[in-house]
Amino acid sequence: METITKKDKVMIVIGEWFDKVNGNTYHDATISINGEDYLIPYKYGYSANNEWNLKELLNQVGFRIRKDKRVLDYCKVYTQNKLKRNLNK
């Protein structure tokens, strides 16, 4: 497993959608690591769930973060509000 460092080019775009009818929040993400793109399909939750899902995806594709660091410490993060139809499926 490869450890992500500050030398790696990591960019994360997080999309959020709020379901006004039921009061639920959903999110998706696109992660770019050194030019490779990985998608997280939309899932229920927000804030801490984003971090958890990012770590989970990184582990699945063979990357890891040092234990004393957060995923968001190593990358540029952009958050945008989306419509439900525009979330990664």
C-alpha atoms as a PDB file:
ATOM      1  CA  MET A   1       0.000   0.000   0.000  1.00  0.00           C
ATOM      2  CA  GLU A   2       1.349   3.414  -0.959  1.00  0.00           C
ATOM      3  CA  THR A   3       1.356   6.279   1.542  1.00  0.00           C
ATOM      4  CA  ILE A   4       0.082   9.640   0.323  1.00  0.00           C
ATOM      5  CA  THR A   5       2.453  12.500   1.048  1.00  0.00           C
ATOM      6  CA  LYS A   6       2.351  16.238   0.422  1.00  0.00           C
ATOM      7  CA  LYS A   7       4.347  15.641  -2.791  1.00  0.00           C
ATOM      8  CA  ASP A   8       1.399  13.812  -4.334  1.00  0.00           C
ATOM      9  CA  LYS A   9      -1.123  15.859  -6.271  1.00  0.00           C
ATOM     10  CA  VAL A  10      -4.453  15.125  -4.623  1.00  0.00           C
ATOM     11  CA  MET A  11      -7.670  17.006  -5.354  1.00  0.00           C
ATOM     12  CA  ILE A  12     -11.108  16.177  -4.000  1.00  0.00           C
ATOM     13  CA  VAL A  13     -14.419  17.532  -5.223  1.00  0.00           C
ATOM     14  CA  ILE A  14     -17.249  16.827  -2.787  1.00  0.00           C
ATOM     15  CA  GLY A  15     -20.829  17.288  -3.903  1.00  0.00           C
ATOM     16  CA  GLU A  16     -23.604  17.696  -1.359  1.00  0.00           C
ATOM     17  CA  TRP A  17     -27.347  17.466  -1.760  1.00  0.00           C
ATOM     18  CA  PHE A  18     -29.936  18.223   0.923  1.00  0.00           C
ATOM     19  CA  ASP A  19     -33.292  16.435   0.667  1.00  0.00           C
ATOM     20  CA  LYS A  20     -35.676  19.101   1.919  1.00  0.00           C
ATOM     21  CA  VAL A  21     -38.663  16.760   2.089  1.00  0.00           C
ATOM     22  CA  ASN A  22     -37.073  14.232   4.460  1.00  0.00           C
ATOM     23  CA  GLY A  23     -34.336  16.424   5.934  1.00  0.00           C
ATOM     24  CA  ASN A  24     -31.473  14.144   4.887  1.00  0.00           C
ATOM     25  CA  THR A  25     -28.061  15.082   3.523  1.00  0.00           C
ATOM     26  CA  TYR A  26     -26.218  13.081   0.844  1.00  0.00           C
ATOM     27  CA  HIS A  27     -22.750  13.457  -0.625  1.00  0.00           C
ATOM     28  CA  ASP A  28     -20.528  12.110  -3.380  1.00  0.00           C
ATOM     29  CA  ALA A  29     -16.900  12.729  -4.254  1.00  0.00           C
ATOM     30  CA  THR A  30     -14.402  12.635  -7.070  1.00  0.00           C
ATOM     31  CA  ILE A  31     -10.804  12.105  -5.997  1.00  0.00           C
ATOM     32  CA  SER A  32      -7.885  12.793  -8.315  1.00  0.00           C
ATOM     33  CA  ILE A  33      -4.527  11.328  -7.212  1.00  0.00           C
ATOM     34  CA  ASN A  34      -1.591  12.130  -9.496  1.00  0.00           C
ATOM     35  CA  GLY A  35      -3.928  12.322 -12.498  1.00  0.00           C
ATOM     36  CA  GLU A  36      -5.991   9.179 -11.743  1.00  0.00           C
ATOM     37  CA  ASP A  37      -9.680   9.807 -10.981  1.00  0.00           C
ATOM     38  CA  TYR A  38     -11.747   7.763  -8.531  1.00  0.00           C
ATOM     39  CA  LEU A  39     -15.469   8.199  -7.838  1.00  0.00           C
ATOM     40  CA  ILE A  40     -17.452   7.749  -4.643  1.00  0.00           C
ATOM     41  CA  PRO A  41     -21.127   7.205  -5.475  1.00  0.00           C
ATOM     42  CA  TYR A  42     -23.616   9.235  -3.511  1.00  0.00           C
ATOM     43  CA  LYS A  43     -24.143   8.163   0.077  1.00  0.00           C
ATOM     44  CA  TYR A  44     -26.114   9.294   3.066  1.00  0.00           C
ATOM     45  CA  GLY A  45     -24.355  11.598   5.520  1.00  0.00           C
ATOM     46  CA  TYR A  46     -22.210  14.705   5.714  1.00  0.00           C
ATOM     47  CA  SER A  47     -19.087  16.149   7.362  1.00  0.00           C
ATOM     48  CA  ALA A  48     -17.365  13.251   9.218  1.00  0.00           C
ATOM     49  CA  ASN A  49     -18.939  10.771   6.797  1.00  0.00           C
ATOM     50  CA  ASN A  50     -17.083  12.470   3.947  1.00  0.00           C
ATOM     51  CA  GLU A  51     -13.754  11.830   5.656  1.00  0.00           C
ATOM     52  CA  TRP A  52     -14.654   8.224   6.445  1.00  0.00           C
ATOM     53  CA  ASN A  53     -15.717   7.486   2.849  1.00  0.00           C
ATOM     54  CA  LEU A  54     -12.558   9.117   1.467  1.00  0.00           C
ATOM     55  CA  LYS A  55     -10.349   6.926   3.662  1.00  0.00           C
ATOM     56  CA  GLU A  56     -12.330   3.845   2.667  1.00  0.00           C
ATOM     57  CA  LEU A  57     -11.927   4.576  -1.049  1.00  0.00           C
ATOM     58  CA  LEU A  58      -8.211   5.280  -0.678  1.00  0.00           C
ATOM     59  CA  ASN A  59      -7.743   1.900   1.026  1.00  0.00           C
ATOM     60  CA  GLN A  60      -9.647   0.147  -1.770  1.00  0.00           C
ATOM     61  CA  VAL A  61      -7.379   1.615  -4.475  1.00  0.00           C
ATOM     62  CA  GLY A  62      -4.138   1.014  -2.560  1.00  0.00           C
ATOM     63  CA  PHE A  63      -3.364   4.319  -0.846  1.00  0.00           C
ATOM     64  CA  ARG A  64      -3.198   5.202   2.813  1.00  0.00           C
ATOM     65  CA  ILE A  65      -2.778   8.250   5.036  1.00  0.00           C
ATOM     66  CA  ARG A  66      -0.421   8.383   8.014  1.00  0.00           C
ATOM     67  CA  LYS A  67      -2.317   7.661  11.228  1.00  0.00           C
ATOM     68  CA  ASP A  68      -1.628  11.070  12.740  1.00  0.00           C
ATOM     69  CA  LYS A  69      -3.009  12.938   9.705  1.00  0.00           C
ATOM     70  CA  ARG A  70      -6.409  13.568   8.150  1.00  0.00           C
ATOM     71  CA  VAL A  71      -7.194  12.937   4.487  1.00  0.00           C
ATOM     72  CA  LEU A  72      -8.057  16.583   4.022  1.00  0.00           C
ATOM     73  CA  ASP A  73      -4.568  17.699   5.195  1.00  0.00           C
ATOM     74  CA  TYR A  74      -3.011  16.401   1.961  1.00  0.00           C
ATOM     75  CA  CYS A  75      -5.225  17.818  -0.699  1.00  0.00           C
ATOM     76  CA  LYS A  76      -7.207  20.642  -2.155  1.00  0.00           C
ATOM     77  CA  VAL A  77     -10.867  20.189  -1.354  1.00  0.00           C
ATOM     78  CA  TYR A  78     -13.716  21.799  -3.222  1.00  0.00           C
ATOM     79  CA  THR A  79     -17.281  21.487  -1.983  1.00  0.00           C
ATOM     80  CA  GLN A  80     -20.271  22.231  -4.158  1.00  0.00           C
ATOM     81  CA  ASN A  81     -24.004  21.950  -3.759  1.00  0.00           C
ATOM     82  CA  LYS A  82     -25.563  19.669  -6.339  1.00  0.00           C
ATOM     83  CA  LEU A  83     -28.931  18.535  -7.509  1.00  0.00           C
ATOM     84  CA  LYS A  84     -29.775  14.888  -6.860  1.00  0.00           C
ATOM     85  CA  ARG A  85     -29.665  14.058 -10.571  1.00  0.00           C
ATOM     86  CA  ASN A  86     -26.062  15.328 -10.747  1.00  0.00           C
ATOM     87  CA  LEU A  87     -24.665  13.095  -7.969  1.00  0.00           C
ATOM     88  CA  ASN A  88     -22.351  10.187  -8.888  1.00  0.00           C
ATOM     89  CA  LYS A  89     -24.459   7.042  -9.121  1.00  0.00           C
END
